[in-house]
Amino acid sequence: MVALVTLKPDADDAFLAAASTCAAASRGEAGTLHYEIWRETDGERRVVFNELYVDEEAVEQHMASDHFKAFGRAAADLWTAPPTIIVTHPVDID
């Protein structure tokens, strides 16, 4: 799963603090295999969440977690629009 978030001007520090708290808790979830946050260097300078879960149930548990809900409340006033979510699946290239 990839989530793209465009922040309001001067919202970087508050957003990244909230995102870091959520990421730390998310990495501890049983179904989370990978949870990284990236910052786009050019263009809109979006924040990119790169997440990998064992299955759809793990995604649902993540989205129902208290830390995810708290992050959503904290971030809602910091982005220009709700995140763009891209659901992905691995491609076997062997």
C-alpha atoms as a PDB file:
ATOM      1  CA  MET A   1       0.000   0.000   0.000  1.00  0.00           C
ATOM      2  CA  VAL A   2       1.204   3.474  -0.822  1.00  0.00           C
ATOM      3  CA  ALA A   3      -0.342   6.661   0.556  1.00  0.00           C
ATOM      4  CA  LEU A   4       0.501  10.110  -0.808  1.00  0.00           C
ATOM      5  CA  VAL A   5      -0.152  13.193   1.309  1.00  0.00           C
ATOM      6  CA  THR A   6       0.292  16.818   0.269  1.00  0.00           C
ATOM      7  CA  LEU A   7       0.813  19.059   3.281  1.00  0.00           C
ATOM      8  CA  LYS A   8      -0.274  22.599   3.903  1.00  0.00           C
ATOM      9  CA  PRO A   9       2.532  25.162   4.087  1.00  0.00           C
ATOM     10  CA  ASP A  10       4.392  25.072   7.395  1.00  0.00           C
ATOM     11  CA  ALA A  11       2.676  21.825   8.470  1.00  0.00           C
ATOM     12  CA  ASP A  12       5.737  19.619   7.988  1.00  0.00           C
ATOM     13  CA  ASP A  13       6.963  19.397  11.562  1.00  0.00           C
ATOM     14  CA  ALA A  14       3.575  18.717  13.157  1.00  0.00           C
ATOM     15  CA  PHE A  15       2.614  16.201  10.478  1.00  0.00           C
ATOM     16  CA  LEU A  16       5.899  14.313  10.612  1.00  0.00           C
ATOM     17  CA  ALA A  17       5.758  14.168  14.417  1.00  0.00           C
ATOM     18  CA  ALA A  18       2.279  12.614  14.283  1.00  0.00           C
ATOM     19  CA  ALA A  19       3.298  10.310  11.422  1.00  0.00           C
ATOM     20  CA  SER A  20       6.394   9.139  13.304  1.00  0.00           C
ATOM     21  CA  THR A  21       4.310   8.205  16.337  1.00  0.00           C
ATOM     22  CA  CYS A  22       1.914   6.256  14.135  1.00  0.00           C
ATOM     23  CA  ALA A  23       4.764   4.565  12.246  1.00  0.00           C
ATOM     24  CA  ALA A  24       6.436   3.396  15.459  1.00  0.00           C
ATOM     25  CA  ALA A  25       3.212   1.791  16.685  1.00  0.00           C
ATOM     26  CA  SER A  26       2.368   0.396  13.241  1.00  0.00           C
ATOM     27  CA  ARG A  27       5.733  -1.344  12.972  1.00  0.00           C
ATOM     28  CA  GLY A  28       4.837  -3.229  16.132  1.00  0.00           C
ATOM     29  CA  GLU A  29       1.607  -4.645  14.704  1.00  0.00           C
ATOM     30  CA  ALA A  30       1.727  -8.407  14.135  1.00  0.00           C
ATOM     31  CA  GLY A  31       0.588  -8.120  10.510  1.00  0.00           C
ATOM     32  CA  THR A  32       2.922  -5.311   9.436  1.00  0.00           C
ATOM     33  CA  LEU A  33       5.894  -6.399   7.345  1.00  0.00           C
ATOM     34  CA  HIS A  34       7.125  -2.955   6.290  1.00  0.00           C
ATOM     35  CA  TYR A  35       6.179   0.624   7.200  1.00  0.00           C
ATOM     36  CA  GLU A  36       8.290   3.501   5.925  1.00  0.00           C
ATOM     37  CA  ILE A  37       7.739   7.220   5.466  1.00  0.00           C
ATOM     38  CA  TRP A  38       9.432   9.113   2.644  1.00  0.00           C
ATOM     39  CA  ARG A  39       9.526  12.776   1.693  1.00  0.00           C
ATOM     40  CA  GLU A  40       9.308  13.817  -1.959  1.00  0.00           C
ATOM     41  CA  THR A  41      12.258  16.092  -2.763  1.00  0.00           C
ATOM     42  CA  ASP A  42      10.813  17.955  -5.752  1.00  0.00           C
ATOM     43  CA  GLY A  43       7.407  18.969  -7.002  1.00  0.00           C
ATOM     44  CA  GLU A  44       4.659  19.053  -4.391  1.00  0.00           C
ATOM     45  CA  ARG A  45       7.011  17.723  -1.685  1.00  0.00           C
ATOM     46  CA  ARG A  46       4.467  15.115  -0.680  1.00  0.00           C
ATOM     47  CA  VAL A  47       4.895  12.652   2.143  1.00  0.00           C
ATOM     48  CA  VAL A  48       4.816   9.057   0.930  1.00  0.00           C
ATOM     49  CA  PHE A  49       3.855   6.137   3.146  1.00  0.00           C
ATOM     50  CA  ASN A  50       5.098   2.756   1.913  1.00  0.00           C
ATOM     51  CA  GLU A  51       3.380  -0.052   3.803  1.00  0.00           C
ATOM     52  CA  LEU A  52       3.332  -3.837   3.456  1.00  0.00           C
ATOM     53  CA  TYR A  53       1.037  -6.157   5.388  1.00  0.00           C
ATOM     54  CA  VAL A  54       0.697  -9.927   5.518  1.00  0.00           C
ATOM     55  CA  ASP A  55      -2.900  -9.811   4.260  1.00  0.00           C
ATOM     56  CA  GLU A  56      -6.045  -7.698   3.973  1.00  0.00           C
ATOM     57  CA  GLU A  57      -7.056  -8.540   7.545  1.00  0.00           C
ATOM     58  CA  ALA A  58      -3.820  -6.958   8.785  1.00  0.00           C
ATOM     59  CA  VAL A  59      -4.636  -3.800   6.807  1.00  0.00           C
ATOM     60  CA  GLU A  60      -8.094  -3.672   8.365  1.00  0.00           C
ATOM     61  CA  GLN A  61      -6.642  -4.160  11.851  1.00  0.00           C
ATOM     62  CA  HIS A  62      -4.147  -1.375  11.197  1.00  0.00           C
ATOM     63  CA  MET A  63      -6.853   1.016  10.055  1.00  0.00           C
ATOM     64  CA  ALA A  64      -8.966   0.165  13.125  1.00  0.00           C
ATOM     65  CA  SER A  65      -6.090   0.711  15.566  1.00  0.00           C
ATOM     66  CA  ASP A  66      -6.154   3.527  18.091  1.00  0.00           C
ATOM     67  CA  HIS A  67      -2.813   4.901  16.891  1.00  0.00           C
ATOM     68  CA  PHE A  68      -4.011   5.068  13.267  1.00  0.00           C
ATOM     69  CA  LYS A  69      -7.216   6.844  14.304  1.00  0.00           C
ATOM     70  CA  ALA A  70      -5.247   9.275  16.482  1.00  0.00           C
ATOM     71  CA  PHE A  71      -2.930  10.016  13.574  1.00  0.00           C
ATOM     72  CA  GLY A  72      -5.914  10.702  11.312  1.00  0.00           C
ATOM     73  CA  ARG A  73      -7.319  13.185  13.815  1.00  0.00           C
ATOM     74  CA  ALA A  74      -3.946  14.902  14.276  1.00  0.00           C
ATOM     75  CA  ALA A  75      -3.209  15.089  10.539  1.00  0.00           C
ATOM     76  CA  ALA A  76      -6.625  16.131   9.258  1.00  0.00           C
ATOM     77  CA  ASP A  77      -5.876  19.856   9.558  1.00  0.00           C
ATOM     78  CA  LEU A  78      -2.347  19.515   8.189  1.00  0.00           C
ATOM     79  CA  TRP A  79      -2.918  18.159   4.676  1.00  0.00           C
ATOM     80  CA  THR A  80      -4.470  19.873   1.688  1.00  0.00           C
ATOM     81  CA  ALA A  81      -6.769  16.906   0.988  1.00  0.00           C
ATOM     82  CA  PRO A  82      -7.227  13.374   2.303  1.00  0.00           C
ATOM     83  CA  PRO A  83      -4.412  11.018   1.295  1.00  0.00           C
ATOM     84  CA  THR A  84      -4.384   9.309  -2.063  1.00  0.00           C
ATOM     85  CA  ILE A  85      -4.258   5.592  -1.296  1.00  0.00           C
ATOM     86  CA  ILE A  86      -2.821   3.169  -3.837  1.00  0.00           C
ATOM     87  CA  VAL A  87      -3.428  -0.485  -3.028  1.00  0.00           C
ATOM     88  CA  THR A  88      -0.739  -2.658  -4.546  1.00  0.00           C
ATOM     89  CA  HIS A  89       0.104  -6.337  -4.810  1.00  0.00           C
ATOM     90  CA  PRO A  90       3.516  -7.867  -5.469  1.00  0.00           C
ATOM     91  CA  VAL A  91       4.395  -8.879  -9.001  1.00  0.00           C
ATOM     92  CA  ASP A  92       6.364 -12.077  -9.443  1.00  0.00           C
ATOM     93  CA  ILE A  93       9.251 -11.149 -11.711  1.00  0.00           C
ATOM     94  CA  ASP A  94      11.222 -14.384 -11.406  1.00  0.00           C
END
